[in-house]
C-alpha atoms as a PDB file:
ATOM      1  CA  UNK A   1      68.994 -25.094 -14.663  1.00  0.00           C
ATOM      2  CA  UNK A   2      68.392 -22.034 -12.485  1.00  0.00           C
ATOM      3  CA  UNK A   3      68.179 -19.883 -15.570  1.00  0.00           C
ATOM      4  CA  UNK A   4      65.530 -22.213 -17.048  1.00  0.00           C
ATOM      5  CA  UNK A   5      63.486 -22.020 -13.841  1.00  0.00           C
ATOM      6  CA  UNK A   6      63.757 -18.260 -13.837  1.00  0.00           C
ATOM      7  CA  UNK A   7      62.664 -18.099 -17.465  1.00  0.00           C
ATOM      8  CA  UNK A   8      59.660 -20.391 -16.783  1.00  0.00           C
ATOM      9  CA  UNK A   9      58.745 -18.365 -13.697  1.00  0.00           C
ATOM     10  CA  UNK A  10      59.022 -15.139 -15.653  1.00  0.00           C
ATOM     11  CA  UNK A  11      56.751 -16.498 -18.390  1.00  0.00           C
ATOM     12  CA  UNK A  12      54.128 -17.598 -15.855  1.00  0.00           C
ATOM     13  CA  UNK A  13      54.239 -14.258 -14.074  1.00  0.00           C
ATOM     14  CA  UNK A  14      53.994 -12.500 -17.433  1.00  0.00           C
ATOM     15  CA  UNK A  15      50.743 -14.312 -18.237  1.00  0.00           C
ATOM     16  CA  UNK A  16      49.394 -13.564 -14.772  1.00  0.00           C
ATOM     17  CA  UNK A  17      50.349  -9.928 -15.229  1.00  0.00           C
ATOM     18  CA  UNK A  18      48.486  -9.761 -18.546  1.00  0.00           C
ATOM     19  CA  UNK A  19      45.326 -11.189 -16.922  1.00  0.00           C
ATOM     20  CA  UNK A  20      45.654  -8.818 -13.963  1.00  0.00           C
ATOM     21  CA  UNK A  21      46.046  -5.844 -16.277  1.00  0.00           C
ATOM     22  CA  UNK A  22      42.900  -6.866 -18.144  1.00  0.00           C
ATOM     23  CA  UNK A  23      40.977  -7.130 -14.854  1.00  0.00           C
ATOM     24  CA  UNK A  24      42.396  -3.814 -13.679  1.00  0.00           C
ATOM     25  CA  UNK A  25      41.249  -2.166 -16.904  1.00  0.00           C
ATOM     26  CA  UNK A  26      37.712  -3.446 -16.276  1.00  0.00           C
ATOM     27  CA  UNK A  27      37.694  -2.079 -12.742  1.00  0.00           C
ATOM     28  CA  UNK A  28      38.927   1.319 -13.925  1.00  0.00           C
ATOM     29  CA  UNK A  29      36.145   1.289 -16.507  1.00  0.00           C
ATOM     30  CA  UNK A  30      33.594   0.807 -13.722  1.00  0.00           C
ATOM     31  CA  UNK A  31      35.087   3.666 -11.718  1.00  0.00           C
ATOM     32  CA  UNK A  32      35.163   6.096 -14.657  1.00  0.00           C
ATOM     33  CA  UNK A  33      31.907   5.051 -16.356  1.00  0.00           C
ATOM     34  CA  UNK A  34      29.724   8.194 -16.767  1.00  0.00           C
ATOM     35  CA  UNK A  35      26.538   6.488 -15.568  1.00  0.00           C
ATOM     36  CA  UNK A  36      28.089   4.838 -12.498  1.00  0.00           C
ATOM     37  CA  UNK A  37      26.836   5.852  -9.075  1.00  0.00           C
ATOM     38  CA  UNK A  38      29.205   6.982  -6.355  1.00  0.00           C
ATOM     39  CA  UNK A  39      28.675   3.661  -4.584  1.00  0.00           C
ATOM     40  CA  UNK A  40      29.684   1.696  -7.687  1.00  0.00           C
ATOM     41  CA  UNK A  41      32.807   3.808  -8.050  1.00  0.00           C
ATOM     42  CA  UNK A  42      33.699   3.188  -4.394  1.00  0.00           C
ATOM     43  CA  UNK A  43      33.271  -0.567  -4.800  1.00  0.00           C
ATOM     44  CA  UNK A  44      35.486  -0.453  -7.867  1.00  0.00           C
ATOM     45  CA  UNK A  45      38.082   1.432  -5.853  1.00  0.00           C
ATOM     46  CA  UNK A  46      38.081  -1.320  -3.219  1.00  0.00           C
ATOM     47  CA  UNK A  47      39.094  -3.775  -5.910  1.00  0.00           C
ATOM     48  CA  UNK A  48      41.470  -1.443  -7.715  1.00  0.00           C
ATOM     49  CA  UNK A  49      43.858  -0.653  -4.836  1.00  0.00           C
ATOM     50  CA  UNK A  50      44.795  -4.221  -3.817  1.00  0.00           C
ATOM     51  CA  UNK A  51      44.898  -5.247  -7.468  1.00  0.00           C
ATOM     52  CA  UNK A  52      47.380  -2.459  -8.099  1.00  0.00           C
ATOM     53  CA  UNK A  53      49.500  -3.919  -5.305  1.00  0.00           C
ATOM     54  CA  UNK A  54      49.266  -7.356  -6.885  1.00  0.00           C
ATOM     55  CA  UNK A  55      50.392  -5.879 -10.190  1.00  0.00           C
ATOM     56  CA  UNK A  56      53.362  -4.261  -8.468  1.00  0.00           C
ATOM     57  CA  UNK A  57      54.316  -7.589  -6.866  1.00  0.00           C
ATOM     58  CA  UNK A  58      53.945  -9.348 -10.222  1.00  0.00           C
ATOM     59  CA  UNK A  59      56.215  -6.814 -11.877  1.00  0.00           C
ATOM     60  CA  UNK A  60      58.785  -7.267  -9.121  1.00  0.00           C
ATOM     61  CA  UNK A  61      58.421 -11.014  -9.496  1.00  0.00           C
ATOM     62  CA  UNK A  62      59.249 -10.737 -13.179  1.00  0.00           C
ATOM     63  CA  UNK A  63      62.211  -8.601 -12.250  1.00  0.00           C
ATOM     64  CA  UNK A  64      63.349 -11.359  -9.900  1.00  0.00           C
ATOM     65  CA  UNK A  65      63.146 -13.842 -12.779  1.00  0.00           C
ATOM     66  CA  UNK A  66      65.534 -11.796 -14.891  1.00  0.00           C
ATOM     67  CA  UNK A  67      69.069 -13.273 -14.653  1.00  0.00           C
ATOM     68  CA  UNK A  68      71.353 -11.177 -12.503  1.00  0.00           C
ATOM     69  CA  UNK A  69      68.517  -9.128 -10.975  1.00  0.00           C
ATOM     70  CA  UNK A  70      67.711  -9.184  -7.303  1.00  0.00           C
ATOM     71  CA  UNK A  71      64.810  -7.670  -5.369  1.00  0.00           C
ATOM     72  CA  UNK A  72      64.744  -7.680  -1.575  1.00  0.00           C
ATOM     73  CA  UNK A  73      62.227 -10.161  -0.178  1.00  0.00           C
ATOM     74  CA  UNK A  74      61.303  -7.574   2.435  1.00  0.00           C
ATOM     75  CA  UNK A  75      60.060  -5.234  -0.333  1.00  0.00           C
ATOM     76  CA  UNK A  76      57.678  -7.916  -1.630  1.00  0.00           C
ATOM     77  CA  UNK A  77      56.470  -8.533   1.916  1.00  0.00           C
ATOM     78  CA  UNK A  78      55.740  -4.876   2.599  1.00  0.00           C
ATOM     79  CA  UNK A  79      53.949  -4.419  -0.730  1.00  0.00           C
ATOM     80  CA  UNK A  80      51.758  -7.443  -0.043  1.00  0.00           C
ATOM     81  CA  UNK A  81      51.000  -6.168   3.455  1.00  0.00           C
ATOM     82  CA  UNK A  82      50.152  -2.695   2.115  1.00  0.00           C
ATOM     83  CA  UNK A  83      47.759  -4.233  -0.408  1.00  0.00           C
ATOM     84  CA  UNK A  84      46.013  -6.274   2.298  1.00  0.00           C
ATOM     85  CA  UNK A  85      45.720  -3.326   4.670  1.00  0.00           C
ATOM     86  CA  UNK A  86      44.479  -1.071   1.859  1.00  0.00           C
ATOM     87  CA  UNK A  87      41.793  -3.588   1.000  1.00  0.00           C
ATOM     88  CA  UNK A  88      40.689  -3.938   4.648  1.00  0.00           C
ATOM     89  CA  UNK A  89      40.603  -0.166   5.242  1.00  0.00           C
ATOM     90  CA  UNK A  90      38.700   0.613   2.051  1.00  0.00           C
ATOM     91  CA  UNK A  91      35.857  -1.848   2.730  1.00  0.00           C
ATOM     92  CA  UNK A  92      34.160   0.244   5.494  1.00  0.00           C
ATOM     93  CA  UNK A  93      34.757   3.403   3.445  1.00  0.00           C
ATOM     94  CA  UNK A  94      33.037   1.836   0.452  1.00  0.00           C
ATOM     95  CA  UNK A  95      30.145   0.602   2.586  1.00  0.00           C
ATOM     96  CA  UNK A  96      29.685   4.072   4.101  1.00  0.00           C
ATOM     97  CA  UNK A  97      29.796   5.781   0.712  1.00  0.00           C
ATOM     98  CA  UNK A  98      27.404   3.220  -0.758  1.00  0.00           C
ATOM     99  CA  UNK A  99      24.953   3.717   2.123  1.00  0.00           C
ATOM    100  CA  UNK A 100      25.032   7.492   1.723  1.00  0.00           C
ATOM    101  CA  UNK A 101      24.721   7.191  -2.020  1.00  0.00           C
ATOM    102  CA  UNK A 102      21.707   4.940  -1.656  1.00  0.00           C
ATOM    103  CA  UNK A 103      20.102   7.557   0.591  1.00  0.00           C
ATOM    104  CA  UNK A 104      20.589  10.087  -2.214  1.00  0.00           C
ATOM    105  CA  UNK A 105      19.588   7.640  -4.927  1.00  0.00           C
ATOM    106  CA  UNK A 106      16.213   6.907  -3.326  1.00  0.00           C
ATOM    107  CA  UNK A 107      13.954   9.328  -5.128  1.00  0.00           C
ATOM    108  CA  UNK A 108      11.019   8.919  -2.828  1.00  0.00           C
ATOM    109  CA  UNK A 109       9.808   6.732  -0.027  1.00  0.00           C
ATOM    110  CA  UNK A 110       6.118   6.624   0.686  1.00  0.00           C
ATOM    111  CA  UNK A 111       3.343   4.564   2.185  1.00  0.00           C
ATOM    112  CA  UNK A 112       0.860   3.375  -0.431  1.00  0.00           C
ATOM    113  CA  UNK A 113      -2.354   1.324  -0.350  1.00  0.00           C
ATOM    114  CA  UNK A 114      -1.914  -2.366  -1.003  1.00  0.00           C
ATOM    115  CA  UNK A 115      -3.807  -3.710  -4.008  1.00  0.00           C
ATOM    116  CA  UNK A 116      -6.351  -5.043  -4.521  1.00  0.00           C
ATOM    117  CA  UNK A 117      -8.307  -2.634  -2.348  1.00  0.00           C
ATOM    118  CA  UNK A 118     -10.840  -4.119   0.075  1.00  0.00           C
ATOM    119  CA  UNK A 119     -14.284  -4.374  -1.509  1.00  0.00           C
ATOM    120  CA  UNK A 120     -15.837  -1.836   0.869  1.00  0.00           C
ATOM    121  CA  UNK A 121     -13.071   0.670   0.048  1.00  0.00           C
ATOM    122  CA  UNK A 122     -13.633   0.005  -3.653  1.00  0.00           C
ATOM    123  CA  UNK A 123     -17.282   0.960  -3.220  1.00  0.00           C
ATOM    124  CA  UNK A 124     -16.486   4.065  -1.189  1.00  0.00           C
ATOM    125  CA  UNK A 125     -13.950   5.317  -3.743  1.00  0.00           C
ATOM    126  CA  UNK A 126     -16.621   4.883  -6.399  1.00  0.00           C
ATOM    127  CA  UNK A 127     -19.022   6.948  -4.273  1.00  0.00           C
ATOM    128  CA  UNK A 128     -16.336   9.605  -3.747  1.00  0.00           C
ATOM    129  CA  UNK A 129     -15.972   9.994  -7.517  1.00  0.00           C
ATOM    130  CA  UNK A 130     -19.679  10.781  -7.840  1.00  0.00           C
ATOM    131  CA  UNK A 131     -19.591  13.177  -4.872  1.00  0.00           C
ATOM    132  CA  UNK A 132     -16.761  15.131  -6.471  1.00  0.00           C
ATOM    133  CA  UNK A 133     -18.505  15.187  -9.827  1.00  0.00           C
ATOM    134  CA  UNK A 134     -21.801  16.452  -8.406  1.00  0.00           C
ATOM    135  CA  UNK A 135     -20.043  19.021  -6.206  1.00  0.00           C
ATOM    136  CA  UNK A 136     -18.109  20.315  -9.236  1.00  0.00           C
ATOM    137  CA  UNK A 137     -21.214  20.441 -11.429  1.00  0.00           C
ATOM    138  CA  UNK A 138     -23.250  22.323  -8.816  1.00  0.00           C
ATOM    139  CA  UNK A 139     -20.418  24.753  -8.046  1.00  0.00           C
ATOM    140  CA  UNK A 140     -19.943  25.556 -11.730  1.00  0.00           C
ATOM    141  CA  UNK A 141     -23.685  26.096 -12.207  1.00  0.00           C
ATOM    142  CA  UNK A 142     -23.667  28.549  -9.307  1.00  0.00           C
ATOM    143  CA  UNK A 143     -20.660  30.495 -10.636  1.00  0.00           C
ATOM    144  CA  UNK A 144     -21.219  30.502 -14.400  1.00  0.00           C
ATOM    145  CA  UNK A 145     -23.337  33.104 -16.223  1.00  0.00           C
ATOM    146  CA  UNK A 146     -26.921  32.031 -16.854  1.00  0.00           C
ATOM    147  CA  UNK A 147     -26.335  31.810 -20.584  1.00  0.00           C
ATOM    148  CA  UNK A 148     -23.758  29.048 -20.021  1.00  0.00           C
ATOM    149  CA  UNK A 149     -25.690  25.794 -20.061  1.00  0.00           C
ATOM    150  CA  UNK A 150     -24.058  23.036 -18.039  1.00  0.00           C
ATOM    151  CA  UNK A 151     -25.545  19.637 -18.756  1.00  0.00           C
ATOM    152  CA  UNK A 152     -25.150  16.800 -16.303  1.00  0.00           C
ATOM    153  CA  UNK A 153     -23.258  14.661 -18.826  1.00  0.00           C
ATOM    154  CA  UNK A 154     -20.815  17.492 -19.527  1.00  0.00           C
ATOM    155  CA  UNK A 155     -19.098  17.170 -16.143  1.00  0.00           C
ATOM    156  CA  UNK A 156     -17.216  13.938 -15.583  1.00  0.00           C
ATOM    157  CA  UNK A 157     -14.999  12.574 -12.808  1.00  0.00           C
ATOM    158  CA  UNK A 158     -12.573   9.773 -12.042  1.00  0.00           C
ATOM    159  CA  UNK A 159      -9.866   8.620  -9.654  1.00  0.00           C
ATOM    160  CA  UNK A 160      -6.505   7.321 -10.876  1.00  0.00           C
ATOM    161  CA  UNK A 161      -4.517   4.925  -8.705  1.00  0.00           C
ATOM    162  CA  UNK A 162      -0.746   4.459  -8.860  1.00  0.00           C
ATOM    163  CA  UNK A 163       1.004   1.161  -9.502  1.00  0.00           C
ATOM    164  CA  UNK A 164       4.702   0.731  -8.811  1.00  0.00           C
ATOM    165  CA  UNK A 165       5.247  -2.897  -9.763  1.00  0.00           C
ATOM    166  CA  UNK A 166       6.225  -4.313 -13.153  1.00  0.00           C
ATOM    167  CA  UNK A 167       5.526  -4.220 -15.956  1.00  0.00           C
ATOM    168  CA  UNK A 168       6.379  -0.529 -16.269  1.00  0.00           C
ATOM    169  CA  UNK A 169       7.871   1.362 -19.211  1.00  0.00           C
ATOM    170  CA  UNK A 170      11.653   1.507 -18.933  1.00  0.00           C
ATOM    171  CA  UNK A 171      12.868   4.354 -16.756  1.00  0.00           C
ATOM    172  CA  UNK A 172       9.431   4.997 -15.223  1.00  0.00           C
ATOM    173  CA  UNK A 173       8.865   4.991 -11.468  1.00  0.00           C
ATOM    174  CA  UNK A 174       5.104   4.387 -11.616  1.00  0.00           C
ATOM    175  CA  UNK A 175       2.013   4.501 -13.808  1.00  0.00           C
ATOM    176  CA  UNK A 176      -1.360   5.996 -12.904  1.00  0.00           C
ATOM    177  CA  UNK A 177      -4.255   3.817 -14.062  1.00  0.00           C
ATOM    178  CA  UNK A 178      -8.034   4.048 -14.060  1.00  0.00           C
ATOM    179  CA  UNK A 179     -10.572   1.433 -13.022  1.00  0.00           C
ATOM    180  CA  UNK A 180     -13.940   1.667 -14.750  1.00  0.00           C
ATOM    181  CA  UNK A 181     -15.629   1.575 -11.346  1.00  0.00           C
ATOM    182  CA  UNK A 182     -13.773   4.753 -10.395  1.00  0.00           C
ATOM    183  CA  UNK A 183     -15.199   6.841 -13.232  1.00  0.00           C
ATOM    184  CA  UNK A 184     -18.451   8.715 -13.853  1.00  0.00           C
ATOM    185  CA  UNK A 185     -19.943   9.880 -17.153  1.00  0.00           C
ATOM    186  CA  UNK A 186     -16.971   8.509 -19.093  1.00  0.00           C
ATOM    187  CA  UNK A 187     -18.860   6.703 -21.831  1.00  0.00           C
ATOM    188  CA  UNK A 188     -16.090   6.264 -24.374  1.00  0.00           C
ATOM    189  CA  UNK A 189     -14.255   2.943 -23.680  1.00  0.00           C
ATOM    190  CA  UNK A 190     -10.982   4.506 -24.898  1.00  0.00           C
ATOM    191  CA  UNK A 191     -11.109   6.978 -22.005  1.00  0.00           C
ATOM    192  CA  UNK A 192     -10.750   4.099 -19.585  1.00  0.00           C
ATOM    193  CA  UNK A 193      -7.575   2.726 -21.185  1.00  0.00           C
ATOM    194  CA  UNK A 194      -5.321   5.768 -20.792  1.00  0.00           C
ATOM    195  CA  UNK A 195      -2.473   5.638 -18.252  1.00  0.00           C
ATOM    196  CA  UNK A 196      -0.103   8.386 -17.174  1.00  0.00           C
ATOM    197  CA  UNK A 197       3.521   8.252 -16.083  1.00  0.00           C
ATOM    198  CA  UNK A 198       5.406  10.865 -14.045  1.00  0.00           C
ATOM    199  CA  UNK A 199       4.610  14.436 -15.162  1.00  0.00           C
ATOM    200  CA  UNK A 200       2.302  13.223 -17.949  1.00  0.00           C
ATOM    201  CA  UNK A 201      -0.958  15.084 -18.304  1.00  0.00           C
ATOM    202  CA  UNK A 202      -2.535  17.075 -15.503  1.00  0.00           C
ATOM    203  CA  UNK A 203      -2.969  13.748 -13.675  1.00  0.00           C
ATOM    204  CA  UNK A 204       0.741  12.891 -13.653  1.00  0.00           C
ATOM    205  CA  UNK A 205       1.705  16.469 -12.766  1.00  0.00           C
ATOM    206  CA  UNK A 206      -0.708  16.593  -9.822  1.00  0.00           C
ATOM    207  CA  UNK A 207       0.707  13.343  -8.477  1.00  0.00           C
ATOM    208  CA  UNK A 208       4.356  14.425  -8.829  1.00  0.00           C
ATOM    209  CA  UNK A 209       4.023  18.058  -7.781  1.00  0.00           C
ATOM    210  CA  UNK A 210       1.497  17.301  -5.023  1.00  0.00           C
ATOM    211  CA  UNK A 211      -0.735  20.234  -5.857  1.00  0.00           C
ATOM    212  CA  UNK A 212      -3.877  20.823  -7.960  1.00  0.00           C
ATOM    213  CA  UNK A 213      -3.328  21.092 -11.711  1.00  0.00           C
ATOM    214  CA  UNK A 214      -5.920  23.007 -13.780  1.00  0.00           C
ATOM    215  CA  UNK A 215      -5.545  22.481 -17.510  1.00  0.00           C
ATOM    216  CA  UNK A 216      -7.467  23.948 -20.449  1.00  0.00           C
ATOM    217  CA  UNK A 217      -7.397  22.614 -23.980  1.00  0.00           C
ATOM    218  CA  UNK A 218      -7.092  25.325 -26.643  1.00  0.00           C
ATOM    219  CA  UNK A 219     -10.162  25.604 -28.845  1.00  0.00           C
ATOM    220  CA  UNK A 220      -9.559  23.436 -31.888  1.00  0.00           C
ATOM    221  CA  UNK A 221      -6.063  22.612 -30.689  1.00  0.00           C
ATOM    222  CA  UNK A 222      -4.083  20.014 -28.778  1.00  0.00           C
ATOM    223  CA  UNK A 223      -2.899  19.875 -25.190  1.00  0.00           C
ATOM    224  CA  UNK A 224       0.309  21.870 -24.836  1.00  0.00           C
ATOM    225  CA  UNK A 225       3.787  20.370 -24.530  1.00  0.00           C
ATOM    226  CA  UNK A 226       3.704  20.838 -20.767  1.00  0.00           C
ATOM    227  CA  UNK A 227       1.717  17.602 -20.531  1.00  0.00           C
ATOM    228  CA  UNK A 228       4.212  15.405 -22.407  1.00  0.00           C
ATOM    229  CA  UNK A 229       1.479  13.237 -23.906  1.00  0.00           C
ATOM    230  CA  UNK A 230       2.323  10.445 -26.324  1.00  0.00           C
ATOM    231  CA  UNK A 231       0.415   9.851 -29.548  1.00  0.00           C
ATOM    232  CA  UNK A 232      -1.291   6.829 -27.997  1.00  0.00           C
ATOM    233  CA  UNK A 233      -2.443   8.839 -24.996  1.00  0.00           C
ATOM    234  CA  UNK A 234      -3.818  11.624 -27.182  1.00  0.00           C
ATOM    235  CA  UNK A 235      -5.838   9.051 -29.131  1.00  0.00           C
ATOM    236  CA  UNK A 236      -7.328   7.698 -25.900  1.00  0.00           C
ATOM    237  CA  UNK A 237      -8.446  11.086 -24.571  1.00  0.00           C
ATOM    238  CA  UNK A 238     -11.987  12.152 -25.463  1.00  0.00           C
ATOM    239  CA  UNK A 239     -11.861  14.480 -28.450  1.00  0.00           C
ATOM    240  CA  UNK A 240     -14.498  16.718 -26.880  1.00  0.00           C
ATOM    241  CA  UNK A 241     -12.642  17.209 -23.614  1.00  0.00           C
ATOM    242  CA  UNK A 242     -12.164  20.945 -22.969  1.00  0.00           C
ATOM    243  CA  UNK A 243     -10.664  21.165 -19.481  1.00  0.00           C
ATOM    244  CA  UNK A 244      -9.335  19.059 -16.619  1.00  0.00           C
ATOM    245  CA  UNK A 245      -8.820  19.714 -12.928  1.00  0.00           C
ATOM    246  CA  UNK A 246      -6.526  17.168 -11.257  1.00  0.00           C
ATOM    247  CA  UNK A 247      -6.323  16.976  -7.476  1.00  0.00           C
ATOM    248  CA  UNK A 248      -3.746  14.975  -5.497  1.00  0.00           C
ATOM    249  CA  UNK A 249      -5.614  12.679  -3.119  1.00  0.00           C
ATOM    250  CA  UNK A 250      -3.793  12.709   0.221  1.00  0.00           C
ATOM    251  CA  UNK A 251      -4.393  11.461   3.739  1.00  0.00           C
ATOM    252  CA  UNK A 252      -3.489  14.934   5.003  1.00  0.00           C
ATOM    253  CA  UNK A 253      -2.325  18.378   3.773  1.00  0.00           C
ATOM    254  CA  UNK A 254       1.424  17.687   4.082  1.00  0.00           C
ATOM    255  CA  UNK A 255       1.460  14.027   3.046  1.00  0.00           C
ATOM    256  CA  UNK A 256       2.295  12.398  -0.275  1.00  0.00           C
ATOM    257  CA  UNK A 257      -0.498  11.626  -2.749  1.00  0.00           C
ATOM    258  CA  UNK A 258      -1.930   8.112  -2.822  1.00  0.00           C
ATOM    259  CA  UNK A 259      -4.088   8.778  -5.894  1.00  0.00           C
ATOM    260  CA  UNK A 260      -5.337  11.556  -8.189  1.00  0.00           C
ATOM    261  CA  UNK A 261      -8.956  12.697  -8.484  1.00  0.00           C
ATOM    262  CA  UNK A 262      -9.961  14.340 -11.755  1.00  0.00           C
ATOM    263  CA  UNK A 263     -12.951  16.423 -12.669  1.00  0.00           C
ATOM    264  CA  UNK A 264     -13.209  17.359 -16.342  1.00  0.00           C
ATOM    265  CA  UNK A 265     -15.679  18.907 -18.733  1.00  0.00           C
ATOM    266  CA  UNK A 266     -16.945  18.618 -22.281  1.00  0.00           C
ATOM    267  CA  UNK A 267     -18.025  22.279 -22.418  1.00  0.00           C
ATOM    268  CA  UNK A 268     -16.114  25.553 -22.676  1.00  0.00           C
ATOM    269  CA  UNK A 269     -15.634  27.689 -19.590  1.00  0.00           C
ATOM    270  CA  UNK A 270     -16.026  31.416 -20.297  1.00  0.00           C
ATOM    271  CA  UNK A 271     -13.497  34.018 -19.184  1.00  0.00           C
ATOM    272  CA  UNK A 272     -10.329  32.968 -17.394  1.00  0.00           C
ATOM    273  CA  UNK A 273     -10.897  29.211 -17.329  1.00  0.00           C
ATOM    274  CA  UNK A 274      -7.721  28.478 -15.378  1.00  0.00           C
ATOM    275  CA  UNK A 275      -8.807  30.873 -12.622  1.00  0.00           C
ATOM    276  CA  UNK A 276     -12.243  29.230 -12.505  1.00  0.00           C
ATOM    277  CA  UNK A 277     -10.658  25.776 -12.191  1.00  0.00           C
ATOM    278  CA  UNK A 278      -8.254  26.980  -9.496  1.00  0.00           C
ATOM    279  CA  UNK A 279     -11.188  28.175  -7.400  1.00  0.00           C
ATOM    280  CA  UNK A 280     -13.040  24.942  -8.120  1.00  0.00           C
ATOM    281  CA  UNK A 281      -9.998  23.067  -6.827  1.00  0.00           C
ATOM    282  CA  UNK A 282     -10.109  25.045  -3.585  1.00  0.00           C
ATOM    283  CA  UNK A 283     -13.740  23.957  -3.235  1.00  0.00           C
ATOM    284  CA  UNK A 284     -13.159  20.264  -3.987  1.00  0.00           C
ATOM    285  CA  UNK A 285      -9.813  19.602  -2.235  1.00  0.00           C
ATOM    286  CA  UNK A 286     -11.244  19.402   1.321  1.00  0.00           C
ATOM    287  CA  UNK A 287     -13.853  16.884   0.123  1.00  0.00           C
ATOM    288  CA  UNK A 288     -11.194  14.662  -1.471  1.00  0.00           C
ATOM    289  CA  UNK A 289      -8.832  14.805   1.521  1.00  0.00           C
ATOM    290  CA  UNK A 290     -11.564  14.121   4.070  1.00  0.00           C
ATOM    291  CA  UNK A 291     -12.591  10.922   2.305  1.00  0.00           C
ATOM    292  CA  UNK A 292      -9.012   9.943   1.500  1.00  0.00           C
ATOM    293  CA  UNK A 293      -8.077  10.026   5.177  1.00  0.00           C
ATOM    294  CA  UNK A 294     -11.051   7.856   6.091  1.00  0.00           C
ATOM    295  CA  UNK A 295     -10.394   5.369   3.302  1.00  0.00           C
ATOM    296  CA  UNK A 296      -6.667   5.119   4.045  1.00  0.00           C
ATOM    297  CA  UNK A 297      -7.444   3.854   7.539  1.00  0.00           C
ATOM    298  CA  UNK A 298      -9.323   0.913   6.026  1.00  0.00           C
ATOM    299  CA  UNK A 299      -6.540  -0.113   3.622  1.00  0.00           C
ATOM    300  CA  UNK A 300      -3.512  -2.271   4.174  1.00  0.00           C
ATOM    301  CA  UNK A 301      -0.480  -0.043   3.650  1.00  0.00           C
ATOM    302  CA  UNK A 302       2.975  -0.880   2.341  1.00  0.00           C
ATOM    303  CA  UNK A 303       6.091   1.296   2.227  1.00  0.00           C
ATOM    304  CA  UNK A 304       7.846   1.484  -1.121  1.00  0.00           C
ATOM    305  CA  UNK A 305      11.111   3.067  -2.247  1.00  0.00           C
ATOM    306  CA  UNK A 306      12.030   4.028  -5.781  1.00  0.00           C
ATOM    307  CA  UNK A 307      15.785   4.165  -6.403  1.00  0.00           C
ATOM    308  CA  UNK A 308      17.668   5.540  -9.382  1.00  0.00           C
ATOM    309  CA  UNK A 309      19.550   2.238  -9.402  1.00  0.00           C
ATOM    310  CA  UNK A 310      16.381   0.615 -10.754  1.00  0.00           C
ATOM    311  CA  UNK A 311      14.680   3.446 -12.576  1.00  0.00           C
ATOM    312  CA  UNK A 312      15.529   7.042 -13.220  1.00  0.00           C
ATOM    313  CA  UNK A 313      13.575  10.019 -12.038  1.00  0.00           C
ATOM    314  CA  UNK A 314      12.549  11.824 -14.057  1.00  0.00           C
ATOM    315  CA  UNK A 315      11.936   9.212 -16.746  1.00  0.00           C
ATOM    316  CA  UNK A 316      14.466   8.649 -19.497  1.00  0.00           C
ATOM    317  CA  UNK A 317      14.025  11.546 -21.980  1.00  0.00           C
ATOM    318  CA  UNK A 318      14.606   9.157 -24.883  1.00  0.00           C
ATOM    319  CA  UNK A 319      11.752   6.873 -23.874  1.00  0.00           C
ATOM    320  CA  UNK A 320       8.204   7.176 -25.142  1.00  0.00           C
ATOM    321  CA  UNK A 321       7.073   8.096 -21.645  1.00  0.00           C
ATOM    322  CA  UNK A 322       8.648  11.595 -21.700  1.00  0.00           C
ATOM    323  CA  UNK A 323      10.738  13.452 -19.208  1.00  0.00           C
ATOM    324  CA  UNK A 324      10.274  15.945 -16.426  1.00  0.00           C
ATOM    325  CA  UNK A 325      10.009  19.441 -17.795  1.00  0.00           C
END
């Protein structure tokens, strides 16, 4: 009779051991998975240690079920106690590691305007776009040789805002979009549909790098690979566009951008065009920041955090959005 009970107990423990081994294998997979964060590995470790103790007890239990074998009860007790203590001690460690990992995983934390913008701010941003455009046009006229004709329609301007909420392309922290009201002299409807992700175009680079980005299109050519533009974006950009100057719009010199102001042109700039645009940026930046600071005070602000747990930074290189250079 005792032998039958031992055999039944051994069979039950054997099944339990098989299930525990399967669970243990899953936990080890979480710990060793290449894409797992340090916090996920720590949480897996919390489960792995006590489970290992359970496996040891199960093995000893099977040994007890074998006829003629004997295992001290005290050994089972101490193994169970060690598993419980290990579990309790590892919980705060895992929480600490997870907290620190989250601090590293957060790519950026910034205060951004809440959308939709108040109607009066909407109107003032629209006025700012025209002020930047006129200031750029007049500055270029004063600096260019007389033989370079600069028509009013040749100098355009716009302001791109950033959105962080879904829907966003997979692996993308934000998209920069354009409202028709925030554009001047952009007569092609396709121009108004283009959006930029991180490090895409001069607009995306200015937003990410937090500094002005002058860009010149080669005569008869395409924008260089530095801009990571997709085929769809290239189709949306005006075919006559020759240069772009993108300025991060900030509430102050050392603060994060809340938008990007662009001035671009449909005419060639003679000489060193990048140098000309760099100097133009020095002229326009104070105008943009002065108005940005005033407008920010009138907006409701929200603090957002982008974590690699939800989206990678830079974007996934295999996605259509492109990656950081």
